[in-house]
Amino acid sequence: MSELTKGDVVAERTVHLTREALVRYAGASGDFNPIHYRDDVAASVGLPGVLAHGMLTMGLAVETVVPWLGDVARILDYGVRFTRPVVVDAEDGADVVVTAKVFAVDEETVTLDLSVTFDETAVLGKARVRATLA
């Protein structure tokens, strides 16, 4: 992690979400809102389809930097603004692309900007992680 400069890409990955993943997340989180697994309910409330849980999207985004950090306990702060839902198709699922770039670095911490997109459109805005360097 030495010699970090603003704009350096430190981690990236694509996560493929399926309806099965949403149901498993619902079981783990206790969030059984049917907009996350039933097309008819999602349509009845005006949604474009079944949506991934916001907290699932937020979690998979930050998990992208954990291997680079080496320890999740090094994360000091993490925040996002939800800008667009991830619509998970019954057949094709959805691919979420996460890229982590250095926003700022000082002697003790690094701040990373996370670009989180679905269909080439941002789904999380102002997604920023601050972590210790050591």
N, C-alpha and C. Protein backbone atom coordinates (compact mmCIF):
# COMPACT_ATOMS: atom_id res chain seq x y z
N MET A 1 0.80 -1.20 0.00
CA MET A 1 0.00 0.00 0.00
C MET A 1 0.84 1.26 0.00
N SER A 2 2.14 1.10 -0.10
CA SER A 2 2.97 2.29 -0.15
C SER A 2 2.85 2.93 -1.53
N GLU A 3 3.15 4.22 -1.57
CA GLU A 3 3.14 4.96 -2.82
C GLU A 3 1.76 5.07 -3.46
N LEU A 4 0.72 5.18 -2.65
CA LEU A 4 -0.62 5.39 -3.18
C LEU A 4 -0.79 6.83 -3.61
N THR A 5 -1.45 7.02 -4.74
CA THR A 5 -1.77 8.36 -5.20
C THR A 5 -3.22 8.43 -5.62
N LYS A 6 -3.75 9.64 -5.57
CA LYS A 6 -5.14 9.85 -5.95
C LYS A 6 -5.38 9.29 -7.35
N GLY A 7 -6.48 8.56 -7.48
CA GLY A 7 -6.84 7.98 -8.76
C GLY A 7 -6.39 6.55 -8.97
N ASP A 8 -5.49 6.05 -8.11
CA ASP A 8 -5.06 4.65 -8.23
C ASP A 8 -6.24 3.71 -8.03
N VAL A 9 -6.40 2.74 -8.92
CA VAL A 9 -7.40 1.69 -8.75
C VAL A 9 -6.78 0.62 -7.87
N VAL A 10 -7.42 0.34 -6.73
CA VAL A 10 -6.87 -0.65 -5.79
C VAL A 10 -7.65 -1.95 -5.78
N ALA A 11 -8.88 -1.93 -6.29
CA ALA A 11 -9.68 -3.15 -6.33
C ALA A 11 -10.81 -2.98 -7.33
N GLU A 12 -11.18 -4.07 -7.97
CA GLU A 12 -12.36 -4.05 -8.83
C GLU A 12 -12.87 -5.47 -8.99
N ARG A 13 -14.17 -5.56 -9.19
CA ARG A 13 -14.79 -6.86 -9.44
C ARG A 13 -16.20 -6.66 -9.98
N THR A 14 -16.70 -7.72 -10.58
CA THR A 14 -18.08 -7.78 -11.03
C THR A 14 -18.77 -8.86 -10.23
N VAL A 15 -19.91 -8.53 -9.66
CA VAL A 15 -20.70 -9.49 -8.88
C VAL A 15 -21.97 -9.79 -9.66
N HIS A 16 -22.21 -11.06 -9.90
CA HIS A 16 -23.44 -11.47 -10.58
C HIS A 16 -24.49 -11.82 -9.53
N LEU A 17 -25.58 -11.06 -9.52
CA LEU A 17 -26.67 -11.31 -8.59
C LEU A 17 -27.76 -12.12 -9.29
N THR A 18 -28.32 -13.06 -8.57
CA THR A 18 -29.44 -13.86 -9.07
C THR A 18 -30.61 -13.72 -8.12
N ARG A 19 -31.76 -14.17 -8.56
CA ARG A 19 -32.93 -14.17 -7.67
C ARG A 19 -32.66 -15.06 -6.45
N GLU A 20 -31.96 -16.16 -6.66
CA GLU A 20 -31.62 -17.03 -5.54
C GLU A 20 -30.78 -16.27 -4.51
N ALA A 21 -29.83 -15.47 -4.97
CA ALA A 21 -29.01 -14.67 -4.05
C ALA A 21 -29.87 -13.72 -3.24
N LEU A 22 -30.90 -13.14 -3.88
CA LEU A 22 -31.79 -12.22 -3.16
C LEU A 22 -32.58 -12.94 -2.08
N VAL A 23 -33.05 -14.14 -2.38
CA VAL A 23 -33.80 -14.91 -1.39
C VAL A 23 -32.89 -15.30 -0.24
N ARG A 24 -31.67 -15.70 -0.56
CA ARG A 24 -30.71 -16.06 0.51
C ARG A 24 -30.40 -14.85 1.39
N TYR A 25 -30.22 -13.68 0.75
CA TYR A 25 -29.97 -12.47 1.51
C TYR A 25 -31.17 -12.12 2.39
N ALA A 26 -32.36 -12.28 1.85
CA ALA A 26 -33.57 -12.01 2.63
C ALA A 26 -33.58 -12.87 3.89
N GLY A 27 -33.23 -14.14 3.74
CA GLY A 27 -33.19 -15.03 4.90
C GLY A 27 -32.14 -14.61 5.92
N ALA A 28 -30.99 -14.19 5.44
CA ALA A 28 -29.91 -13.78 6.35
C ALA A 28 -30.22 -12.46 7.03
N SER A 29 -30.86 -11.54 6.31
CA SER A 29 -31.08 -10.19 6.84
C SER A 29 -32.43 -10.03 7.53
N GLY A 30 -33.37 -10.91 7.21
CA GLY A 30 -34.72 -10.77 7.75
C GLY A 30 -35.58 -9.80 6.96
N ASP A 31 -35.08 -9.32 5.82
CA ASP A 31 -35.83 -8.39 4.98
C ASP A 31 -36.58 -9.18 3.90
N PHE A 32 -37.82 -9.53 4.21
CA PHE A 32 -38.63 -10.34 3.30
C PHE A 32 -39.64 -9.51 2.51
N ASN A 33 -39.33 -8.24 2.27
CA ASN A 33 -40.21 -7.41 1.46
C ASN A 33 -40.33 -8.08 0.09
N PRO A 34 -41.54 -8.35 -0.38
CA PRO A 34 -41.71 -9.09 -1.63
C PRO A 34 -41.22 -8.36 -2.88
N ILE A 35 -40.89 -7.08 -2.80
CA ILE A 35 -40.32 -6.41 -3.98
C ILE A 35 -38.95 -6.99 -4.33
N HIS A 36 -38.38 -7.77 -3.41
CA HIS A 36 -37.08 -8.36 -3.63
C HIS A 36 -37.14 -9.77 -4.20
N TYR A 37 -38.36 -10.29 -4.42
CA TYR A 37 -38.43 -11.64 -5.00
C TYR A 37 -39.69 -11.91 -5.82
N ARG A 38 -40.65 -11.00 -5.84
CA ARG A 38 -41.89 -11.22 -6.61
C ARG A 38 -42.12 -10.13 -7.64
N ASP A 39 -42.15 -10.54 -8.91
CA ASP A 39 -42.37 -9.59 -10.00
C ASP A 39 -43.72 -8.88 -9.88
N ASP A 40 -44.76 -9.62 -9.52
CA ASP A 40 -46.09 -9.02 -9.46
C ASP A 40 -46.17 -7.91 -8.41
N VAL A 41 -45.56 -8.12 -7.27
CA VAL A 41 -45.57 -7.11 -6.22
C VAL A 41 -44.74 -5.90 -6.64
N ALA A 42 -43.56 -6.15 -7.22
CA ALA A 42 -42.72 -5.03 -7.69
C ALA A 42 -43.48 -4.19 -8.71
N ALA A 43 -44.16 -4.85 -9.66
CA ALA A 43 -44.92 -4.12 -10.68
C ALA A 43 -46.08 -3.36 -10.06
N SER A 44 -46.73 -3.95 -9.06
CA SER A 44 -47.91 -3.30 -8.46
C SER A 44 -47.58 -2.00 -7.73
N VAL A 45 -46.31 -1.83 -7.35
CA VAL A 45 -45.92 -0.58 -6.68
C VAL A 45 -45.10 0.32 -7.62
N GLY A 46 -45.13 -0.01 -8.91
CA GLY A 46 -44.52 0.85 -9.91
C GLY A 46 -43.03 0.67 -10.13
N LEU A 47 -42.48 -0.44 -9.68
CA LEU A 47 -41.05 -0.68 -9.87
C LEU A 47 -40.80 -1.35 -11.22
N PRO A 48 -39.60 -1.20 -11.76
CA PRO A 48 -39.29 -1.80 -13.06
C PRO A 48 -39.06 -3.31 -13.01
N GLY A 49 -39.04 -3.87 -11.83
CA GLY A 49 -38.82 -5.30 -11.64
C GLY A 49 -38.39 -5.56 -10.23
N VAL A 50 -38.03 -6.81 -9.95
CA VAL A 50 -37.54 -7.20 -8.63
C VAL A 50 -36.20 -6.51 -8.37
N LEU A 51 -36.07 -5.91 -7.19
CA LEU A 51 -34.88 -5.14 -6.85
C LEU A 51 -34.00 -5.87 -5.86
N ALA A 52 -32.69 -5.72 -6.05
CA ALA A 52 -31.74 -6.18 -5.04
C ALA A 52 -31.90 -5.30 -3.81
N HIS A 53 -31.71 -5.87 -2.65
CA HIS A 53 -31.75 -5.11 -1.40
C HIS A 53 -30.65 -4.04 -1.44
N GLY A 54 -30.97 -2.85 -1.00
CA GLY A 54 -29.98 -1.78 -0.95
C GLY A 54 -28.78 -2.14 -0.09
N MET A 55 -29.06 -2.75 1.05
CA MET A 55 -27.95 -3.11 1.95
C MET A 55 -27.09 -4.23 1.36
N LEU A 56 -27.67 -5.09 0.54
CA LEU A 56 -26.89 -6.11 -0.15
C LEU A 56 -25.93 -5.43 -1.13
N THR A 57 -26.45 -4.49 -1.90
CA THR A 57 -25.61 -3.76 -2.85
C THR A 57 -24.50 -3.02 -2.12
N MET A 58 -24.85 -2.36 -1.02
CA MET A 58 -23.87 -1.63 -0.23
C MET A 58 -22.80 -2.56 0.33
N GLY A 59 -23.23 -3.73 0.81
CA GLY A 59 -22.29 -4.70 1.38
C GLY A 59 -21.34 -5.29 0.36
N LEU A 60 -21.87 -5.67 -0.80
CA LEU A 60 -20.99 -6.26 -1.81
C LEU A 60 -20.00 -5.23 -2.34
N ALA A 61 -20.41 -3.95 -2.34
CA ALA A 61 -19.50 -2.90 -2.79
C ALA A 61 -18.30 -2.78 -1.85
N VAL A 62 -18.54 -2.68 -0.56
CA VAL A 62 -17.43 -2.51 0.38
C VAL A 62 -16.60 -3.79 0.49
N GLU A 63 -17.22 -4.94 0.33
CA GLU A 63 -16.48 -6.20 0.39
C GLU A 63 -15.40 -6.26 -0.69
N THR A 64 -15.58 -5.51 -1.75
CA THR A 64 -14.59 -5.49 -2.84
C THR A 64 -13.22 -5.04 -2.36
N VAL A 65 -13.16 -4.14 -1.38
CA VAL A 65 -11.86 -3.62 -0.92
C VAL A 65 -11.25 -4.44 0.21
N VAL A 66 -12.00 -5.33 0.81
CA VAL A 66 -11.48 -6.08 1.97
C VAL A 66 -10.25 -6.92 1.63
N PRO A 67 -10.22 -7.66 0.53
CA PRO A 67 -8.98 -8.41 0.23
C PRO A 67 -7.77 -7.49 0.07
N TRP A 68 -7.97 -6.32 -0.52
CA TRP A 68 -6.87 -5.37 -0.67
C TRP A 68 -6.42 -4.84 0.69
N LEU A 69 -7.37 -4.55 1.57
CA LEU A 69 -7.03 -4.06 2.90
C LEU A 69 -6.40 -5.14 3.76
N GLY A 70 -6.83 -6.38 3.56
CA GLY A 70 -6.29 -7.49 4.34
C GLY A 70 -7.04 -7.77 5.62
N ASP A 71 -7.86 -6.83 6.08
CA ASP A 71 -8.61 -7.02 7.32
C ASP A 71 -9.77 -6.03 7.34
N VAL A 72 -10.97 -6.55 7.45
CA VAL A 72 -12.16 -5.70 7.47
C VAL A 72 -12.13 -4.72 8.65
N ALA A 73 -11.43 -5.06 9.71
CA ALA A 73 -11.36 -4.20 10.89
C ALA A 73 -10.62 -2.89 10.62
N ARG A 74 -9.94 -2.79 9.49
CA ARG A 74 -9.23 -1.55 9.15
C ARG A 74 -10.18 -0.48 8.62
N ILE A 75 -11.41 -0.85 8.30
CA ILE A 75 -12.38 0.14 7.80
C ILE A 75 -12.85 0.99 8.97
N LEU A 76 -12.70 2.30 8.82
CA LEU A 76 -13.09 3.25 9.86
C LEU A 76 -14.47 3.84 9.60
N ASP A 77 -14.75 4.18 8.35
CA ASP A 77 -16.02 4.79 7.95
C ASP A 77 -16.43 4.25 6.59
N TYR A 78 -17.74 4.19 6.39
CA TYR A 78 -18.27 3.79 5.09
C TYR A 78 -19.65 4.39 4.95
N GLY A 79 -19.88 5.07 3.85
CA GLY A 79 -21.20 5.64 3.62
C GLY A 79 -21.49 5.71 2.13
N VAL A 80 -22.77 5.67 1.81
CA VAL A 80 -23.21 5.76 0.41
C VAL A 80 -24.50 6.56 0.34
N ARG A 81 -24.84 6.92 -0.89
CA ARG A 81 -26.15 7.47 -1.19
C ARG A 81 -26.73 6.56 -2.27
N PHE A 82 -27.93 6.06 -2.05
CA PHE A 82 -28.56 5.18 -3.03
C PHE A 82 -29.13 6.04 -4.15
N THR A 83 -28.72 5.76 -5.40
CA THR A 83 -29.13 6.60 -6.52
C THR A 83 -30.03 5.87 -7.52
N ARG A 84 -29.91 4.56 -7.61
CA ARG A 84 -30.69 3.80 -8.57
C ARG A 84 -30.74 2.35 -8.08
N PRO A 85 -31.89 1.70 -8.22
CA PRO A 85 -31.96 0.29 -7.79
C PRO A 85 -31.30 -0.64 -8.80
N VAL A 86 -30.93 -1.81 -8.32
CA VAL A 86 -30.43 -2.88 -9.18
C VAL A 86 -31.60 -3.82 -9.44
N VAL A 87 -32.02 -3.87 -10.70
CA VAL A 87 -33.13 -4.74 -11.10
C VAL A 87 -32.55 -6.10 -11.46
N VAL A 88 -33.02 -7.14 -10.76
CA VAL A 88 -32.48 -8.49 -10.96
C VAL A 88 -33.48 -9.30 -11.77
N ASP A 89 -33.14 -9.54 -13.03
CA ASP A 89 -33.98 -10.30 -13.95
C ASP A 89 -34.07 -11.76 -13.50
N ALA A 90 -35.25 -12.35 -13.67
CA ALA A 90 -35.47 -13.74 -13.26
C ALA A 90 -34.56 -14.71 -13.99
N GLU A 91 -34.30 -14.46 -15.25
CA GLU A 91 -33.47 -15.37 -16.05
C GLU A 91 -31.99 -14.98 -16.06
N ASP A 92 -31.73 -13.71 -16.33
CA ASP A 92 -30.35 -13.26 -16.54
C ASP A 92 -29.66 -12.72 -15.29
N GLY A 93 -30.41 -12.46 -14.24
CA GLY A 93 -29.80 -11.87 -13.06
C GLY A 93 -29.37 -10.43 -13.33
N ALA A 94 -28.33 -9.99 -12.66
CA ALA A 94 -27.81 -8.63 -12.83
C ALA A 94 -26.34 -8.62 -12.45
N ASP A 95 -25.55 -7.90 -13.24
CA ASP A 95 -24.13 -7.73 -12.93
C ASP A 95 -23.89 -6.35 -12.34
N VAL A 96 -23.28 -6.33 -11.17
CA VAL A 96 -22.92 -5.09 -10.50
C VAL A 96 -21.40 -4.97 -10.56
N VAL A 97 -20.91 -3.86 -11.08
CA VAL A 97 -19.47 -3.64 -11.25
C VAL A 97 -19.00 -2.64 -10.21
N VAL A 98 -17.96 -3.02 -9.48
CA VAL A 98 -17.42 -2.17 -8.41
C VAL A 98 -15.95 -1.88 -8.71
N THR A 99 -15.59 -0.61 -8.66
CA THR A 99 -14.20 -0.19 -8.82
C THR A 99 -13.86 0.73 -7.65
N ALA A 100 -12.75 0.45 -6.98
CA ALA A 100 -12.30 1.27 -5.85
C ALA A 100 -11.06 2.05 -6.25
N LYS A 101 -11.15 3.38 -6.12
CA LYS A 101 -10.03 4.25 -6.46
C LYS A 101 -9.65 5.10 -5.24
N VAL A 102 -8.38 5.39 -5.14
CA VAL A 102 -7.90 6.26 -4.07
C VAL A 102 -8.45 7.67 -4.30
N PHE A 103 -9.11 8.19 -3.28
CA PHE A 103 -9.59 9.56 -3.30
C PHE A 103 -8.61 10.47 -2.57
N ALA A 104 -8.11 9.99 -1.41
CA ALA A 104 -7.16 10.77 -0.62
C ALA A 104 -6.34 9.81 0.23
N VAL A 105 -5.14 10.22 0.53
CA VAL A 105 -4.27 9.41 1.39
C VAL A 105 -3.44 10.36 2.25
N ASP A 106 -3.29 9.97 3.52
CA ASP A 106 -2.40 10.72 4.39
C ASP A 106 -1.51 9.70 5.10
N GLU A 107 -0.85 10.11 6.15
CA GLU A 107 0.11 9.22 6.82
C GLU A 107 -0.55 8.00 7.46
N GLU A 108 -1.81 8.13 7.88
CA GLU A 108 -2.45 7.05 8.62
C GLU A 108 -3.64 6.41 7.94
N THR A 109 -4.27 7.12 7.00
CA THR A 109 -5.50 6.60 6.41
C THR A 109 -5.52 6.76 4.89
N VAL A 110 -6.39 5.98 4.29
CA VAL A 110 -6.68 6.10 2.87
C VAL A 110 -8.19 6.22 2.73
N THR A 111 -8.63 7.10 1.85
CA THR A 111 -10.05 7.22 1.54
C THR A 111 -10.23 6.76 0.11
N LEU A 112 -11.18 5.86 -0.08
CA LEU A 112 -11.45 5.28 -1.39
C LEU A 112 -12.83 5.68 -1.87
N ASP A 113 -12.92 6.01 -3.14
CA ASP A 113 -14.20 6.21 -3.79
C ASP A 113 -14.58 4.89 -4.47
N LEU A 114 -15.81 4.46 -4.26
CA LEU A 114 -16.29 3.25 -4.92
C LEU A 114 -17.24 3.65 -6.04
N SER A 115 -16.92 3.20 -7.23
CA SER A 115 -17.83 3.35 -8.36
C SER A 115 -18.62 2.05 -8.41
N VAL A 116 -19.94 2.15 -8.28
CA VAL A 116 -20.80 0.95 -8.25
C VAL A 116 -21.86 1.14 -9.32
N THR A 117 -21.80 0.29 -10.36
CA THR A 117 -22.70 0.46 -11.49
C THR A 117 -23.46 -0.82 -11.83
N PHE A 118 -24.61 -0.62 -12.43
CA PHE A 118 -25.45 -1.69 -12.99
C PHE A 118 -25.94 -1.16 -14.33
N ASP A 119 -25.76 -1.92 -15.38
CA ASP A 119 -26.10 -1.46 -16.73
C ASP A 119 -25.42 -0.12 -17.05
N GLU A 120 -24.17 0.01 -16.60
CA GLU A 120 -23.34 1.18 -16.86
C GLU A 120 -23.87 2.48 -16.25
N THR A 121 -24.76 2.35 -15.26
CA THR A 121 -25.31 3.51 -14.56
C THR A 121 -25.02 3.36 -13.07
N ALA A 122 -24.62 4.45 -12.43
CA ALA A 122 -24.30 4.41 -10.99
C ALA A 122 -25.53 4.02 -10.18
N VAL A 123 -25.34 3.09 -9.25
CA VAL A 123 -26.41 2.71 -8.33
C VAL A 123 -26.14 3.20 -6.92
N LEU A 124 -24.89 3.53 -6.64
CA LEU A 124 -24.53 4.14 -5.36
C LEU A 124 -23.77 5.41 -5.68
N GLY A 125 -24.16 6.48 -5.02
CA GLY A 125 -23.44 7.74 -5.17
C GLY A 125 -22.71 8.05 -3.89
N LYS A 126 -21.65 8.81 -4.03
CA LYS A 126 -20.85 9.19 -2.86
C LYS A 126 -20.50 7.98 -1.99
N ALA A 127 -20.19 6.88 -2.64
CA ALA A 127 -19.77 5.68 -1.91
C ALA A 127 -18.30 5.85 -1.56
N ARG A 128 -18.04 6.01 -0.28
CA ARG A 128 -16.69 6.31 0.16
C ARG A 128 -16.33 5.49 1.39
N VAL A 129 -15.12 4.95 1.37
CA VAL A 129 -14.59 4.13 2.47
C VAL A 129 -13.32 4.79 2.99
N ARG A 130 -13.23 4.93 4.30
CA ARG A 130 -11.99 5.42 4.91
C ARG A 130 -11.43 4.29 5.76
N ALA A 131 -10.13 4.01 5.59
CA ALA A 131 -9.52 2.87 6.28
C ALA A 131 -8.11 3.25 6.76
N THR A 132 -7.65 2.53 7.75
CA THR A 132 -6.28 2.73 8.22
C THR A 132 -5.30 2.11 7.23
N LEU A 133 -4.11 2.67 7.18
CA LEU A 133 -3.08 2.15 6.29
C LEU A 133 -2.31 0.99 6.92
N ALA A 134 -2.31 0.89 8.22
CA ALA A 134 -1.53 -0.19 8.86
C ALA A 134 -2.39 -1.00 9.78
